[in-house]
PDB file of N, CA and C in Angstrom:
ATOM      1  N   MET A   1       0.815  -1.190   0.000  1.00  0.00           N
ATOM      2  CA  MET A   1       0.000   0.000   0.000  1.00  0.00           C
ATOM      3  C   MET A   1       0.863   1.259   0.000  1.00  0.00           C
ATOM      4  N   ASN A   2       2.001   1.217   0.666  1.00  0.00           N
ATOM      5  CA  ASN A   2       2.896   2.364   0.687  1.00  0.00           C
ATOM      6  C   ASN A   2       3.396   2.703  -0.704  1.00  0.00           C
ATOM      7  N   ASP A   3       3.658   1.656  -1.495  1.00  0.00           N
ATOM      8  CA  ASP A   3       4.116   1.893  -2.865  1.00  0.00           C
ATOM      9  C   ASP A   3       3.046   2.619  -3.670  1.00  0.00           C
ATOM     10  N   ARG A   4       1.814   2.253  -3.424  1.00  0.00           N
ATOM     11  CA  ARG A   4       0.704   2.868  -4.144  1.00  0.00           C
ATOM     12  C   ARG A   4       0.578   4.353  -3.779  1.00  0.00           C
ATOM     13  N   LEU A   5       0.717   4.689  -2.500  1.00  0.00           N
ATOM     14  CA  LEU A   5       0.652   6.082  -2.057  1.00  0.00           C
ATOM     15  C   LEU A   5       1.826   6.875  -2.606  1.00  0.00           C
ATOM     16  N   ALA A   6       3.015   6.277  -2.584  1.00  0.00           N
ATOM     17  CA  ALA A   6       4.197   6.955  -3.110  1.00  0.00           C
ATOM     18  C   ALA A   6       4.044   7.189  -4.604  1.00  0.00           C
ATOM     19  N   SER A   7       3.495   6.204  -5.291  1.00  0.00           N
ATOM     20  CA  SER A   7       3.293   6.328  -6.719  1.00  0.00           C
ATOM     21  C   SER A   7       2.304   7.464  -7.014  1.00  0.00           C
ATOM     22  N   ARG A   8       1.252   7.559  -6.239  1.00  0.00           N
ATOM     23  CA  ARG A   8       0.261   8.637  -6.407  1.00  0.00           C
ATOM     24  C   ARG A   8       0.898   9.995  -6.135  1.00  0.00           C
ATOM     25  N   LEU A   9       1.730  10.076  -5.128  1.00  0.00           N
ATOM     26  CA  LEU A   9       2.417  11.315  -4.808  1.00  0.00           C
ATOM     27  C   LEU A   9       3.357  11.721  -5.951  1.00  0.00           C
ATOM     28  N   GLU A  10       4.057  10.770  -6.524  1.00  0.00           N
ATOM     29  CA  GLU A  10       4.937  11.058  -7.657  1.00  0.00           C
ATOM     30  C   GLU A  10       4.140  11.559  -8.861  1.00  0.00           C
ATOM     31  N   MET A  11       2.989  10.945  -9.105  1.00  0.00           N
ATOM     32  CA  MET A  11       2.150  11.376 -10.222  1.00  0.00           C
ATOM     33  C   MET A  11       1.643  12.801 -10.008  1.00  0.00           C
ATOM     34  N   LEU A  12       1.267  13.116  -8.767  1.00  0.00           N
ATOM     35  CA  LEU A  12       0.795  14.470  -8.485  1.00  0.00           C
ATOM     36  C   LEU A  12       1.915  15.497  -8.642  1.00  0.00           C
ATOM     37  N   ARG A  13       3.123  15.150  -8.242  1.00  0.00           N
ATOM     38  CA  ARG A  13       4.266  16.054  -8.415  1.00  0.00           C
ATOM     39  C   ARG A  13       4.591  16.229  -9.902  1.00  0.00           C
ATOM     40  N   PHE A  14       4.483  15.143 -10.661  1.00  0.00           N
ATOM     41  CA  PHE A  14       4.683  15.237 -12.104  1.00  0.00           C
ATOM     42  C   PHE A  14       3.632  16.165 -12.718  1.00  0.00           C
ATOM     43  N   LEU A  15       2.376  15.986 -12.316  1.00  0.00           N
ATOM     44  CA  LEU A  15       1.292  16.830 -12.802  1.00  0.00           C
ATOM     45  C   LEU A  15       1.567  18.299 -12.465  1.00  0.00           C
ATOM     46  N   GLU A  16       2.054  18.534 -11.276  1.00  0.00           N
ATOM     47  CA  GLU A  16       2.385  19.901 -10.867  1.00  0.00           C
ATOM     48  C   GLU A  16       3.455  20.503 -11.789  1.00  0.00           C
ATOM     49  N   ARG A  17       4.498  19.740 -12.101  1.00  0.00           N
ATOM     50  CA  ARG A  17       5.562  20.240 -12.983  1.00  0.00           C
ATOM     51  C   ARG A  17       5.012  20.555 -14.379  1.00  0.00           C
ATOM     52  N   VAL A  18       4.144  19.688 -14.878  1.00  0.00           N
ATOM     53  CA  VAL A  18       3.537  19.922 -16.190  1.00  0.00           C
ATOM     54  C   VAL A  18       2.694  21.191 -16.159  1.00  0.00           C
ATOM     55  N   GLN A  19       1.908  21.349 -15.103  1.00  0.00           N
ATOM     56  CA  GLN A  19       1.046  22.518 -15.007  1.00  0.00           C
ATOM     57  C   GLN A  19       1.861  23.803 -14.841  1.00  0.00           C
ATOM     58  N   LEU A  20       2.944  23.748 -14.098  1.00  0.00           N
ATOM     59  CA  LEU A  20       3.814  24.925 -13.954  1.00  0.00           C
ATOM     60  C   LEU A  20       4.439  25.291 -15.295  1.00  0.00           C
ATOM     61  N   ALA A  21       4.856  24.286 -16.049  1.00  0.00           N
ATOM     62  CA  ALA A  21       5.418  24.549 -17.379  1.00  0.00           C
ATOM     63  C   ALA A  21       4.360  25.162 -18.288  1.00  0.00           C
ATOM     64  N   ASP A  22       3.125  24.648 -18.229  1.00  0.00           N
ATOM     65  CA  ASP A  22       2.030  25.207 -19.026  1.00  0.00           C
ATOM     66  C   ASP A  22       1.741  26.647 -18.605  1.00  0.00           C
ATOM     67  N   LEU A  23       1.757  26.896 -17.301  1.00  0.00           N
ATOM     68  CA  LEU A  23       1.504  28.243 -16.794  1.00  0.00           C
ATOM     69  C   LEU A  23       2.583  29.209 -17.284  1.00  0.00           C
ATOM     70  N   GLU A  24       3.825  28.801 -17.247  1.00  0.00           N
ATOM     71  CA  GLU A  24       4.917  29.643 -17.713  1.00  0.00           C
ATOM     72  C   GLU A  24       4.776  29.925 -19.214  1.00  0.00           C
ATOM     73  N   ARG A  25       4.434  28.928 -19.988  1.00  0.00           N
ATOM     74  CA  ARG A  25       4.227  29.110 -21.429  1.00  0.00           C
ATOM     75  C   ARG A  25       3.067  30.074 -21.671  1.00  0.00           C
ATOM     76  N   THR A  26       1.988  29.947 -20.925  1.00  0.00           N
ATOM     77  CA  THR A  26       0.847  30.855 -21.057  1.00  0.00           C
ATOM     78  C   THR A  26       1.256  32.283 -20.709  1.00  0.00           C
ATOM     79  N   ARG A  27       2.054  32.443 -19.669  1.00  0.00           N
ATOM     80  CA  ARG A  27       2.524  33.779 -19.287  1.00  0.00           C
ATOM     81  C   ARG A  27       3.398  34.383 -20.390  1.00  0.00           C
ATOM     82  N   GLN A  28       4.188  33.567 -21.059  1.00  0.00           N
ATOM     83  CA  GLN A  28       5.007  34.053 -22.169  1.00  0.00           C
ATOM     84  C   GLN A  28       4.121  34.499 -23.334  1.00  0.00           C
ATOM     85  N   TRP A  29       3.077  33.728 -23.610  1.00  0.00           N
ATOM     86  CA  TRP A  29       2.144  34.107 -24.670  1.00  0.00           C
ATOM     87  C   TRP A  29       1.466  35.438 -24.333  1.00  0.00           C
ATOM     88  N   ILE A  30       1.057  35.590 -23.085  1.00  0.00           N
ATOM     89  CA  ILE A  30       0.409  36.831 -22.644  1.00  0.00           C
ATOM     90  C   ILE A  30       1.362  38.009 -22.799  1.00  0.00           C
ATOM     91  N   ALA A  31       2.610  37.834 -22.389  1.00  0.00           N
ATOM     92  CA  ALA A  31       3.602  38.909 -22.507  1.00  0.00           C
ATOM     93  C   ALA A  31       3.838  39.267 -23.974  1.00  0.00           C
ATOM     94  N   ALA A  32       3.946  38.263 -24.841  1.00  0.00           N
ATOM     95  CA  ALA A  32       4.167  38.522 -26.269  1.00  0.00           C
ATOM     96  C   ALA A  32       2.966  39.246 -26.877  1.00  0.00           C
ATOM     97  N   GLU A  33       1.768  38.839 -26.522  1.00  0.00           N
ATOM     98  CA  GLU A  33       0.574  39.492 -27.050  1.00  0.00           C
ATOM     99  C   GLU A  33       0.469  40.916 -26.526  1.00  0.00           C
ATOM    100  N   GLY A  34       0.809  41.129 -25.264  1.00  0.00           N
ATOM    101  CA  GLY A  34       0.827  42.477 -24.700  1.00  0.00           C
ATOM    102  C   GLY A  34       1.795  43.372 -25.452  1.00  0.00           C
ATOM    103  N   GLN A  35       2.943  42.839 -25.816  1.00  0.00           N
ATOM    104  CA  GLN A  35       3.928  43.599 -26.587  1.00  0.00           C
ATOM    105  C   GLN A  35       3.379  43.954 -27.971  1.00  0.00           C
ATOM    106  N   ARG A  36       2.716  42.999 -28.628  1.00  0.00           N
ATOM    107  CA  ARG A  36       2.136  43.263 -29.951  1.00  0.00           C
ATOM    108  C   ARG A  36       1.059  44.347 -29.869  1.00  0.00           C
ATOM    109  N   VAL A  37       0.226  44.281 -28.833  1.00  0.00           N
ATOM    110  CA  VAL A  37      -0.828  45.288 -28.663  1.00  0.00           C
ATOM    111  C   VAL A  37      -0.205  46.664 -28.440  1.00  0.00           C
ATOM    112  N   ALA A  38       0.813  46.737 -27.601  1.00  0.00           N
ATOM    113  CA  ALA A  38       1.481  48.015 -27.339  1.00  0.00           C
ATOM    114  C   ALA A  38       2.112  48.576 -28.607  1.00  0.00           C
ATOM    115  N   GLU A  39       2.756  47.732 -29.395  1.00  0.00           N
ATOM    116  CA  GLU A  39       3.374  48.184 -30.649  1.00  0.00           C
ATOM    117  C   GLU A  39       2.317  48.655 -31.641  1.00  0.00           C
ATOM    118  N   ARG A  40       1.194  47.953 -31.698  1.00  0.00           N
ATOM    119  CA  ARG A  40       0.109  48.335 -32.608  1.00  0.00           C
ATOM    120  C   ARG A  40      -0.453  49.701 -32.210  1.00  0.00           C
ATOM    121  N   ARG A  41      -0.670  49.909 -30.904  1.00  0.00           N
ATOM    122  CA  ARG A  41      -1.181  51.202 -30.430  1.00  0.00           C
ATOM    123  C   ARG A  41      -0.187  52.319 -30.723  1.00  0.00           C
ATOM    124  N   GLN A  42       1.082  52.048 -30.495  1.00  0.00           N
ATOM    125  CA  GLN A  42       2.113  53.050 -30.753  1.00  0.00           C
ATOM    126  C   GLN A  42       2.135  53.412 -32.235  1.00  0.00           C
ATOM    127  N   GLY A  43       2.001  52.415 -33.096  1.00  0.00           N
ATOM    128  CA  GLY A  43       1.959  52.665 -34.537  1.00  0.00           C
ATOM    129  C   GLY A  43       0.746  53.497 -34.929  1.00  0.00           C
ATOM    130  N   GLU A  44      -0.398  53.200 -34.330  1.00  0.00           N
ATOM    131  CA  GLU A  44      -1.605  53.956 -34.645  1.00  0.00           C
ATOM    132  C   GLU A  44      -1.477  55.404 -34.183  1.00  0.00           C
ATOM    133  N   GLN A  45      -0.862  55.618 -33.030  1.00  0.00           N
ATOM    134  CA  GLN A  45      -0.689  56.979 -32.517  1.00  0.00           C
ATOM    135  C   GLN A  45       0.318  57.765 -33.341  1.00  0.00           C
ATOM    136  N   ALA A  46       1.302  57.082 -33.928  1.00  0.00           N
ATOM    137  CA  ALA A  46       2.331  57.756 -34.719  1.00  0.00           C
ATOM    138  C   ALA A  46       1.870  58.019 -36.154  1.00  0.00           C
ATOM    139  N   ARG A  47       0.775  57.407 -36.559  1.00  0.00           N
ATOM    140  CA  ARG A  47       0.271  57.564 -37.922  1.00  0.00           C
ATOM    141  C   ARG A  47      -0.179  59.005 -38.134  1.00  0.00           C
ATOM    142  N   PRO A  48       0.180  59.605 -39.269  1.00  0.00           N
ATOM    143  CA  PRO A  48      -0.265  60.982 -39.522  1.00  0.00           C
ATOM    144  C   PRO A  48      -1.784  61.025 -39.672  1.00  0.00           C
ATOM    145  N   PRO A  49      -2.386  62.166 -39.383  1.00  0.00           N
ATOM    146  CA  PRO A  49      -3.849  62.256 -39.505  1.00  0.00           C
ATOM    147  C   PRO A  49      -4.289  62.088 -40.950  1.00  0.00           C
ATOM    148  N   GLU A  50      -5.475  61.574 -41.117  1.00  0.00           N
ATOM    149  CA  GLU A  50      -6.037  61.366 -42.445  1.00  0.00           C
ATOM    150  C   GLU A  50      -6.359  62.729 -43.064  1.00  0.00           C
ATOM    151  N   PRO A  51      -6.030  62.935 -44.346  1.00  0.00           N
ATOM    152  CA  PRO A  51      -6.339  64.227 -44.970  1.00  0.00           C
ATOM    153  C   PRO A  51      -7.851  64.404 -45.115  1.00  0.00           C
ATOM    154  N   ASP A  52      -8.276  65.667 -45.145  1.00  0.00           N
ATOM    155  CA  ASP A  52      -9.707  65.949 -45.302  1.00  0.00           C
ATOM    156  C   ASP A  52     -10.184  65.713 -46.724  1.00  0.00           C
ATOM    157  N   TRP A  53      -9.280  65.902 -47.692  1.00  0.00           N
ATOM    158  CA  TRP A  53      -9.649  65.797 -49.102  1.00  0.00           C
ATOM    159  C   TRP A  53      -8.581  65.030 -49.865  1.00  0.00           C
ATOM    160  N   LEU A  54      -8.990  64.306 -50.876  1.00  0.00           N
ATOM    161  CA  LEU A  54      -8.064  63.524 -51.702  1.00  0.00           C
ATOM    162  C   LEU A  54      -8.304  63.837 -53.167  1.00  0.00           C
ATOM    163  N   ILE A  55      -7.229  63.827 -53.929  1.00  0.00           N
ATOM    164  CA  ILE A  55      -7.352  63.880 -55.388  1.00  0.00           C
ATOM    165  C   ILE A  55      -6.708  62.609 -55.917  1.00  0.00           C
ATOM    166  N   GLU A  56      -7.484  61.880 -56.685  1.00  0.00           N
ATOM    167  CA  GLU A  56      -7.008  60.628 -57.275  1.00  0.00           C
ATOM    168  C   GLU A  56      -6.463  60.901 -58.670  1.00  0.00           C
ATOM    169  N   GLN A  57      -5.240  60.465 -58.880  1.00  0.00           N
ATOM    170  CA  GLN A  57      -4.575  60.663 -60.168  1.00  0.00           C
ATOM    171  C   GLN A  57      -4.927  59.507 -61.111  1.00  0.00           C
ATOM    172  N   GLY A  58      -4.859  59.782 -62.409  1.00  0.00           N
ATOM    173  CA  GLY A  58      -5.086  58.751 -63.414  1.00  0.00           C
ATOM    174  C   GLY A  58      -3.910  57.787 -63.488  1.00  0.00           C
ATOM    175  N   LEU A  59      -3.975  56.851 -64.407  1.00  0.00           N
ATOM    176  CA  LEU A  59      -2.924  55.844 -64.543  1.00  0.00           C
ATOM    177  C   LEU A  59      -1.562  56.442 -64.853  1.00  0.00           C
ATOM    178  N   THR A  60      -1.546  57.509 -65.611  1.00  0.00           N
ATOM    179  CA  THR A  60      -0.263  58.136 -65.955  1.00  0.00           C
ATOM    180  C   THR A  60       0.269  58.964 -64.797  1.00  0.00           C
ATOM    181  N   GLY A  61      -0.562  59.257 -63.816  1.00  0.00           N
ATOM    182  CA  GLY A  61      -0.133  60.022 -62.655  1.00  0.00           C
ATOM    183  C   GLY A  61      -0.155  61.520 -62.862  1.00  0.00           C
ATOM    184  N   ARG A  62      -0.622  61.959 -64.000  1.00  0.00           N
ATOM    185  CA  ARG A  62      -0.610  63.395 -64.296  1.00  0.00           C
ATOM    186  C   ARG A  62      -1.977  64.037 -64.117  1.00  0.00           C
ATOM    187  N   ALA A  63      -2.960  63.515 -64.781  1.00  0.00           N
ATOM    188  CA  ALA A  63      -4.297  64.119 -64.745  1.00  0.00           C
ATOM    189  C   ALA A  63      -5.098  63.591 -63.562  1.00  0.00           C
ATOM    190  N   ALA A  64      -5.747  64.518 -62.858  1.00  0.00           N
ATOM    191  CA  ALA A  64      -6.624  64.128 -61.758  1.00  0.00           C
ATOM    192  C   ALA A  64      -7.917  63.562 -62.338  1.00  0.00           C
ATOM    193  N   VAL A  65      -8.415  62.480 -61.740  1.00  0.00           N
ATOM    194  CA  VAL A  65      -9.647  61.879 -62.254  1.00  0.00           C
ATOM    195  C   VAL A  65     -10.816  61.990 -61.284  1.00  0.00           C
ATOM    196  N   TYR A  66     -10.543  62.037 -59.979  1.00  0.00           N
ATOM    197  CA  TYR A  66     -11.613  62.147 -58.984  1.00  0.00           C
ATOM    198  C   TYR A  66     -11.156  62.973 -57.790  1.00  0.00           C
ATOM    199  N   VAL A  67     -12.134  63.646 -57.190  1.00  0.00           N
ATOM    200  CA  VAL A  67     -11.936  64.295 -55.898  1.00  0.00           C
ATOM    201  C   VAL A  67     -12.728  63.459 -54.896  1.00  0.00           C
ATOM    202  N   HIS A  68     -12.120  63.178 -53.741  1.00  0.00           N
ATOM    203  CA  HIS A  68     -12.754  62.366 -52.695  1.00  0.00           C
ATOM    204  C   HIS A  68     -12.711  63.101 -51.360  1.00  0.00           C
ATOM    205  N   VAL A  69     -13.633  62.753 -50.496  1.00  0.00           N
ATOM    206  CA  VAL A  69     -13.536  63.146 -49.089  1.00  0.00           C
ATOM    207  C   VAL A  69     -12.482  62.238 -48.466  1.00  0.00           C
ATOM    208  N   GLY A  70     -11.654  62.772 -47.575  1.00  0.00           N
ATOM    209  CA  GLY A  70     -10.631  61.953 -46.927  1.00  0.00           C
ATOM    210  C   GLY A  70     -11.257  60.732 -46.265  1.00  0.00           C
ATOM    211  N   GLY A  71     -10.627  59.586 -46.458  1.00  0.00           N
ATOM    212  CA  GLY A  71     -11.141  58.348 -45.875  1.00  0.00           C
ATOM    213  C   GLY A  71     -12.122  57.606 -46.760  1.00  0.00           C
ATOM    214  N   CYS A  72     -12.413  58.131 -47.936  1.00  0.00           N
ATOM    215  CA  CYS A  72     -13.336  57.446 -48.848  1.00  0.00           C
ATOM    216  C   CYS A  72     -12.740  56.095 -49.228  1.00  0.00           C
ATOM    217  N   ARG A  73     -13.510  55.051 -49.076  1.00  0.00           N
ATOM    218  CA  ARG A  73     -13.034  53.703 -49.384  1.00  0.00           C
ATOM    219  C   ARG A  73     -12.877  53.475 -50.890  1.00  0.00           C
ATOM    220  N   MET A  74     -13.457  54.339 -51.676  1.00  0.00           N
ATOM    221  CA  MET A  74     -13.368  54.178 -53.127  1.00  0.00           C
ATOM    222  C   MET A  74     -12.134  54.871 -53.706  1.00  0.00           C
ATOM    223  N   ALA A  75     -11.443  55.649 -52.887  1.00  0.00           N
ATOM    224  CA  ALA A  75     -10.233  56.337 -53.371  1.00  0.00           C
ATOM    225  C   ALA A  75      -9.169  55.295 -53.684  1.00  0.00           C
ATOM    226  N   GLY A  76      -8.566  55.431 -54.846  1.00  0.00           N
ATOM    227  CA  GLY A  76      -7.551  54.472 -55.273  1.00  0.00           C
ATOM    228  C   GLY A  76      -6.200  54.740 -54.631  1.00  0.00           C
ATOM    229  N   LYS A  77      -5.260  53.868 -54.934  1.00  0.00           N
ATOM    230  CA  LYS A  77      -3.910  53.973 -54.379  1.00  0.00           C
ATOM    231  C   LYS A  77      -3.161  55.188 -54.908  1.00  0.00           C
ATOM    232  N   ARG A  78      -3.614  55.741 -56.002  1.00  0.00           N
ATOM    233  CA  ARG A  78      -2.935  56.896 -56.586  1.00  0.00           C
ATOM    234  C   ARG A  78      -3.537  58.202 -56.080  1.00  0.00           C
ATOM    235  N   SER A  79      -4.118  58.188 -54.882  1.00  0.00           N
ATOM    236  CA  SER A  79      -4.728  59.381 -54.294  1.00  0.00           C
ATOM    237  C   SER A  79      -3.746  60.056 -53.361  1.00  0.00           C
ATOM    238  N   LYS A  80      -3.822  61.386 -53.320  1.00  0.00           N
ATOM    239  CA  LYS A  80      -2.976  62.131 -52.388  1.00  0.00           C
ATOM    240  C   LYS A  80      -3.823  63.162 -51.667  1.00  0.00           C
ATOM    241  N   GLY A  81      -3.436  63.456 -50.449  1.00  0.00           N
ATOM    242  CA  GLY A  81      -4.147  64.433 -49.652  1.00  0.00           C
ATOM    243  C   GLY A  81      -3.911  65.842 -50.166  1.00  0.00           C
ATOM    244  N   VAL A  82      -4.970  66.641 -50.150  1.00  0.00           N
ATOM    245  CA  VAL A  82      -4.869  68.035 -50.595  1.00  0.00           C
ATOM    246  C   VAL A  82      -5.649  68.924 -49.632  1.00  0.00           C
ATOM    247  N   ALA A  83      -5.385  70.221 -49.741  1.00  0.00           N
ATOM    248  CA  ALA A  83      -6.104  71.207 -48.935  1.00  0.00           C
ATOM    249  C   ALA A  83      -7.494  71.453 -49.546  1.00  0.00           C
ATOM    250  N   ARG A  84      -8.359  72.066 -48.769  1.00  0.00           N
ATOM    251  CA  ARG A  84      -9.732  72.338 -49.194  1.00  0.00           C
ATOM    252  C   ARG A  84      -9.754  73.151 -50.489  1.00  0.00           C
ATOM    253  N   ASP A  85      -8.923  74.201 -50.568  1.00  0.00           N
ATOM    254  CA  ASP A  85      -8.932  75.048 -51.756  1.00  0.00           C
ATOM    255  C   ASP A  85      -8.474  74.290 -53.004  1.00  0.00           C
ATOM    256  N   GLN A  86      -7.557  73.344 -52.848  1.00  0.00           N
ATOM    257  CA  GLN A  86      -7.124  72.531 -53.991  1.00  0.00           C
ATOM    258  C   GLN A  86      -8.243  71.615 -54.462  1.00  0.00           C
ATOM    259  N   ALA A  87      -8.999  71.057 -53.516  1.00  0.00           N
ATOM    260  CA  ALA A  87     -10.124  70.191 -53.884  1.00  0.00           C
ATOM    261  C   ALA A  87     -11.190  71.006 -54.617  1.00  0.00           C
ATOM    262  N   LEU A  88     -11.487  72.206 -54.109  1.00  0.00           N
ATOM    263  CA  LEU A  88     -12.464  73.069 -54.781  1.00  0.00           C
ATOM    264  C   LEU A  88     -11.988  73.459 -56.178  1.00  0.00           C
ATOM    265  N   ARG A  89     -10.708  73.793 -56.298  1.00  0.00           N
ATOM    266  CA  ARG A  89     -10.155  74.173 -57.594  1.00  0.00           C
ATOM    267  C   ARG A  89     -10.260  73.010 -58.579  1.00  0.00           C
ATOM    268  N   ALA A  90      -9.962  71.796 -58.124  1.00  0.00           N
ATOM    269  CA  ALA A  90     -10.044  70.627 -59.004  1.00  0.00           C
ATOM    270  C   ALA A  90     -11.472  70.430 -59.501  1.00  0.00           C
ATOM    271  N   LEU A  91     -12.444  70.584 -58.613  1.00  0.00           N
ATOM    272  CA  LEU A  91     -13.847  70.458 -59.039  1.00  0.00           C
ATOM    273  C   LEU A  91     -14.200  71.536 -60.058  1.00  0.00           C
ATOM    274  N   ALA A  92     -13.733  72.762 -59.810  1.00  0.00           N
ATOM    275  CA  ALA A  92     -14.024  73.872 -60.722  1.00  0.00           C
ATOM    276  C   ALA A  92     -13.375  73.645 -62.083  1.00  0.00           C
ATOM    277  N   GLU A  93     -12.241  72.940 -62.096  1.00  0.00           N
ATOM    278  CA  GLU A  93     -11.537  72.667 -63.351  1.00  0.00           C
ATOM    279  C   GLU A  93     -12.094  71.443 -64.076  1.00  0.00           C
ATOM    280  N   GLY A  94     -13.138  70.832 -63.540  1.00  0.00           N
ATOM    281  CA  GLY A  94     -13.799  69.737 -64.230  1.00  0.00           C
ATOM    282  C   GLY A  94     -13.446  68.335 -63.755  1.00  0.00           C
ATOM    283  N   VAL A  95     -12.669  68.211 -62.688  1.00  0.00           N
ATOM    284  CA  VAL A  95     -12.372  66.880 -62.149  1.00  0.00           C
ATOM    285  C   VAL A  95     -13.654  66.347 -61.514  1.00  0.00           C
ATOM    286  N   ASP A  96     -13.989  65.117 -61.804  1.00  0.00           N
ATOM    287  CA  ASP A  96     -15.224  64.523 -61.296  1.00  0.00           C
ATOM    288  C   ASP A  96     -15.184  64.331 -59.792  1.00  0.00           C
ATOM    289  N   ALA A  97     -16.329  64.545 -59.159  1.00  0.00           N
ATOM    290  CA  ALA A  97     -16.495  64.256 -57.736  1.00  0.00           C
ATOM    291  C   ALA A  97     -16.860  62.781 -57.597  1.00  0.00           C
ATOM    292  N   CYS A  98     -16.304  62.126 -56.619  1.00  0.00           N
ATOM    293  CA  CYS A  98     -16.645  60.722 -56.348  1.00  0.00           C
ATOM    294  C   CYS A  98     -18.141  60.624 -56.061  1.00  0.00           C
ATOM    295  N   ILE A  99     -18.809  59.684 -56.704  1.00  0.00           N
ATOM    296  CA  ILE A  99     -20.260  59.548 -56.502  1.00  0.00           C
ATOM    297  C   ILE A  99     -20.595  58.856 -55.188  1.00  0.00           C
ATOM    298  N   HIS A 100     -19.590  58.292 -54.526  1.00  0.00           N
ATOM    299  CA  HIS A 100     -19.830  57.576 -53.272  1.00  0.00           C
ATOM    300  C   HIS A 100     -19.714  58.492 -52.057  1.00  0.00           C
ATOM    301  N   CYS A 101     -18.669  59.319 -52.024  1.00  0.00           N
ATOM    302  CA  CYS A 101     -18.441  60.160 -50.839  1.00  0.00           C
ATOM    303  C   CYS A 101     -18.930  61.597 -51.037  1.00  0.00           C
ATOM    304  N   ARG A 102     -19.251  61.986 -52.253  1.00  0.00           N
ATOM    305  CA  ARG A 102     -19.821  63.290 -52.602  1.00  0.00           C
ATOM    306  C   ARG A 102     -19.053  64.476 -52.000  1.00  0.00           C
ATOM    307  N   PRO A 103     -17.780  64.655 -52.411  1.00  0.00           N
ATOM    308  CA  PRO A 103     -17.011  65.779 -51.881  1.00  0.00           C
ATOM    309  C   PRO A 103     -17.565  67.133 -52.310  1.00  0.00           C
ATOM    310  N   ASP A 104     -18.233  67.178 -53.455  1.00  0.00           N
ATOM    311  CA  ASP A 104     -18.828  68.434 -53.904  1.00  0.00           C
ATOM    312  C   ASP A 104     -19.873  68.934 -52.906  1.00  0.00           C
ATOM    313  N   ALA A 105     -20.680  68.017 -52.412  1.00  0.00           N
ATOM    314  CA  ALA A 105     -21.693  68.390 -51.411  1.00  0.00           C
ATOM    315  C   ALA A 105     -21.025  68.782 -50.091  1.00  0.00           C
ATOM    316  N   GLU A 106     -19.995  68.045 -49.689  1.00  0.00           N
ATOM    317  CA  GLU A 106     -19.267  68.355 -48.447  1.00  0.00           C
ATOM    318  C   GLU A 106     -18.603  69.715 -48.517  1.00  0.00           C
ATOM    319  N   LEU A 107     -18.113  70.055 -49.724  1.00  0.00           N
ATOM    320  CA  LEU A 107     -17.412  71.324 -49.912  1.00  0.00           C
ATOM    321  C   LEU A 107     -18.374  72.478 -50.187  1.00  0.00           C
ATOM    322  N   GLY A 108     -19.634  72.161 -50.408  1.00  0.00           N
ATOM    323  CA  GLY A 108     -20.610  73.193 -50.756  1.00  0.00           C
ATOM    324  C   GLY A 108     -20.414  73.720 -52.171  1.00  0.00           C
ATOM    325  N   TYR A 109     -19.855  72.890 -53.035  1.00  0.00           N
ATOM    326  CA  TYR A 109     -19.571  73.296 -54.414  1.00  0.00           C
ATOM    327  C   TYR A 109     -20.816  73.116 -55.271  1.00  0.00           C
ATOM    328  N   LEU A 110     -21.203  74.192 -55.919  1.00  0.00           N
ATOM    329  CA  LEU A 110     -22.324  74.139 -56.853  1.00  0.00           C
ATOM    330  C   LEU A 110     -21.773  74.351 -58.244  1.00  0.00           C
ATOM    331  N   GLU A 111     -22.029  73.425 -59.153  1.00  0.00           N
ATOM    332  CA  GLU A 111     -21.495  73.525 -60.516  1.00  0.00           C
ATOM    333  C   GLU A 111     -22.064  74.747 -61.238  1.00  0.00           C
ATOM    334  N   GLY A 112     -21.178  75.258 -62.115  1.00  0.00           N
ATOM    335  CA  GLY A 112     -21.590  76.310 -63.027  1.00  0.00           C
ATOM    336  C   GLY A 112     -21.803  77.592 -62.358  1.00  0.00           C
TER     337      GLY A 112
END
């Protein structure tokens, strides 16, 4: 019977070592995830503010094809941030307003 009790005690100590190892691994995962979250927040805080207005360039990169409100999901990769007066000037020069974000309405631009 003593052997049986000793064997049970050894199994419980083994279980304890396994659980401590699992706990340490979990703590490492938590620390790594905490670091990733902190880095992500730092990156978001360091990101420059989104421009209020965008002008999307054509394929050649020369002629403007659309004016967008900043943050418009339809703005292409060839868009650049511009000031309000540049967006108004582009509309006045005949650059199309995005039909999704309606920068002309946001800017109070009335054609003609």
